[in-house]
Amino acid sequence: MGEMSVLLVDDEAEFLEILVKRLKKRKVNLTAVTSGEAAIQMMKESPADVVVLDVRMGGMDGIRTLDEIKKIAPLAEVIMLTGHANVEVAMAGMALGAFDYLIKPVQIDELLYRLQDAFKKKSLQEQRERSQGV
Protein backbone atom coordinates (compact mmCIF):
# COMPACT_ATOMS: atom_id res chain seq x y z
CA MET A 1 0.00 0.00 0.00
CA GLY A 2 1.60 3.27 -1.15
CA GLU A 3 1.05 6.78 0.11
CA MET A 4 -2.56 7.95 0.14
CA SER A 5 -3.43 10.99 -1.99
CA VAL A 6 -6.42 13.06 -0.92
CA LEU A 7 -8.46 15.67 -2.78
CA LEU A 8 -10.45 18.11 -0.61
CA VAL A 9 -13.38 19.84 -2.30
CA ASP A 10 -15.27 22.61 -0.49
CA ASP A 11 -16.41 26.06 -1.58
CA GLU A 12 -15.96 27.48 1.95
CA ALA A 13 -12.38 28.80 1.66
CA GLU A 14 -11.91 29.31 5.41
CA PHE A 15 -13.08 25.78 6.28
CA LEU A 16 -10.89 24.35 3.51
CA GLU A 17 -7.84 26.27 4.74
CA ILE A 18 -8.24 24.95 8.29
CA LEU A 19 -8.70 21.37 7.07
CA VAL A 20 -5.65 21.62 4.81
CA LYS A 21 -3.48 22.91 7.70
CA ARG A 22 -4.65 20.19 10.06
CA LEU A 23 -4.21 17.36 7.58
CA LYS A 24 -0.81 18.58 6.34
CA LYS A 25 0.33 18.73 9.98
CA ARG A 26 -0.50 15.01 10.05
CA LYS A 27 1.57 14.45 6.88
CA VAL A 28 -1.40 13.77 4.57
CA ASN A 29 -0.57 14.19 0.85
CA LEU A 30 -3.40 16.41 -0.35
CA THR A 31 -4.70 18.87 -2.88
CA ALA A 32 -7.57 21.27 -2.24
CA VAL A 33 -10.01 22.87 -4.69
CA THR A 34 -13.05 25.08 -4.20
CA SER A 35 -15.52 23.71 -6.78
CA GLY A 36 -16.92 20.53 -8.28
CA GLU A 37 -15.68 21.59 -11.71
CA ALA A 38 -12.12 22.01 -10.38
CA ALA A 39 -12.35 18.62 -8.65
CA ILE A 40 -13.31 16.91 -11.90
CA GLN A 41 -10.44 18.60 -13.75
CA MET A 42 -8.03 17.54 -10.99
CA MET A 43 -9.27 13.93 -11.09
CA LYS A 44 -8.71 13.85 -14.86
CA GLU A 45 -5.15 15.19 -14.48
CA SER A 46 -4.02 13.17 -11.47
CA PRO A 47 -6.67 11.08 -9.73
CA ALA A 48 -6.64 11.08 -5.92
CA ASP A 49 -7.19 7.89 -3.95
CA VAL A 50 -9.75 9.50 -1.64
CA VAL A 51 -11.90 12.58 -2.21
CA VAL A 52 -13.49 14.55 0.64
CA LEU A 53 -16.40 16.28 -1.03
CA ASP A 54 -18.77 18.94 0.28
CA VAL A 55 -22.40 18.24 -0.61
CA ARG A 56 -23.58 21.84 -0.91
CA MET A 57 -21.49 24.02 -3.20
CA GLY A 58 -22.24 26.80 -5.64
CA GLY A 59 -22.15 25.64 -9.26
CA MET A 60 -21.89 21.88 -9.48
CA ASP A 61 -23.12 20.32 -6.21
CA GLY A 62 -21.50 17.40 -4.42
CA ILE A 63 -23.86 14.72 -5.75
CA ARG A 64 -23.23 15.67 -9.40
CA THR A 65 -19.52 15.95 -8.70
CA LEU A 66 -19.50 12.50 -7.06
CA ASP A 67 -21.23 11.02 -10.11
CA GLU A 68 -18.61 12.53 -12.45
CA ILE A 69 -15.67 11.49 -10.23
CA LYS A 70 -16.90 7.88 -10.24
CA LYS A 71 -16.99 7.94 -14.07
CA ILE A 72 -13.39 9.20 -14.22
CA ALA A 73 -11.94 7.09 -11.38
CA PRO A 74 -14.35 4.30 -10.40
CA LEU A 75 -12.09 3.01 -7.61
CA ALA A 76 -11.55 6.41 -5.97
CA GLU A 77 -13.31 6.50 -2.63
CA VAL A 78 -15.42 9.56 -1.81
CA ILE A 79 -16.35 10.83 1.65
CA MET A 80 -19.26 13.26 1.53
CA LEU A 81 -19.21 16.24 3.93
CA THR A 82 -22.14 18.44 4.80
CA GLY A 83 -23.10 21.09 7.31
CA HIS A 84 -26.68 19.88 7.10
CA ALA A 85 -27.80 16.46 8.32
CA ASN A 86 -29.83 15.32 5.34
CA VAL A 87 -30.71 11.64 5.06
CA GLU A 88 -31.95 11.89 1.45
CA VAL A 89 -28.69 13.42 0.25
CA ALA A 90 -26.70 10.83 2.22
CA MET A 91 -28.69 8.03 0.60
CA ALA A 92 -28.24 9.53 -2.87
CA GLY A 93 -24.50 9.80 -2.28
CA MET A 94 -24.22 6.24 -1.02
CA ALA A 95 -26.26 4.99 -3.99
CA LEU A 96 -23.74 6.67 -6.32
CA GLY A 97 -20.87 4.95 -4.56
CA ALA A 98 -19.81 7.31 -1.76
CA PHE A 99 -17.69 5.53 0.85
CA ASP A 100 -19.02 7.46 3.83
CA TYR A 101 -20.84 10.57 4.99
CA LEU A 102 -19.66 13.02 7.68
CA ILE A 103 -21.32 16.10 9.18
CA LYS A 104 -19.46 19.40 9.62
CA PRO A 105 -17.73 20.44 11.72
CA VAL A 106 -15.82 17.18 11.40
CA GLN A 107 -13.37 16.06 14.07
CA ILE A 108 -9.94 15.81 12.44
CA ASP A 109 -9.16 12.41 14.01
CA GLU A 110 -12.50 11.04 12.81
CA LEU A 111 -11.77 12.32 9.28
CA LEU A 112 -8.28 10.80 9.34
CA TYR A 113 -9.71 7.46 10.46
CA ARG A 114 -12.27 7.50 7.60
CA LEU A 115 -9.58 8.55 5.09
CA GLN A 116 -7.43 5.58 6.11
CA ASP A 117 -10.39 3.19 5.90
CA ALA A 118 -11.33 4.50 2.45
CA PHE A 119 -7.72 4.18 1.25
CA LYS A 120 -7.53 0.57 2.53
CA LYS A 121 -10.74 -0.28 0.68
CA LYS A 122 -9.43 1.25 -2.57
CA SER A 123 -6.08 -0.54 -2.21
CA LEU A 124 -7.81 -3.89 -1.64
CA GLN A 125 -10.01 -3.32 -4.71
CA GLU A 126 -6.94 -2.56 -6.85
CA GLN A 127 -5.18 -5.65 -5.49
CA ARG A 128 -8.21 -7.81 -6.25
CA GLU A 129 -8.39 -6.47 -9.82
CA ARG A 130 -4.67 -7.07 -10.39
CA SER A 131 -4.93 -10.65 -9.11
CA GLN A 132 -7.90 -11.27 -11.41
CA GLY A 133 -6.08 -9.72 -14.34
CA VAL A 134 -8.70 -7.00 -14.89
Foldseek 3Di string as FASTA:
>chain_A
DDAFEEEEEAQPVVLQVVLVVVVVVVVHHYDYDHDLVVLLVVCQVPNGQEYEAEQDHPDDGRLNSLLSSCVSPVLREYEYEYQDDDPVSQVSSVVSPHPYYYYPPDDSVVVVVSSVVSNVSSVVVVVVCVVVVD
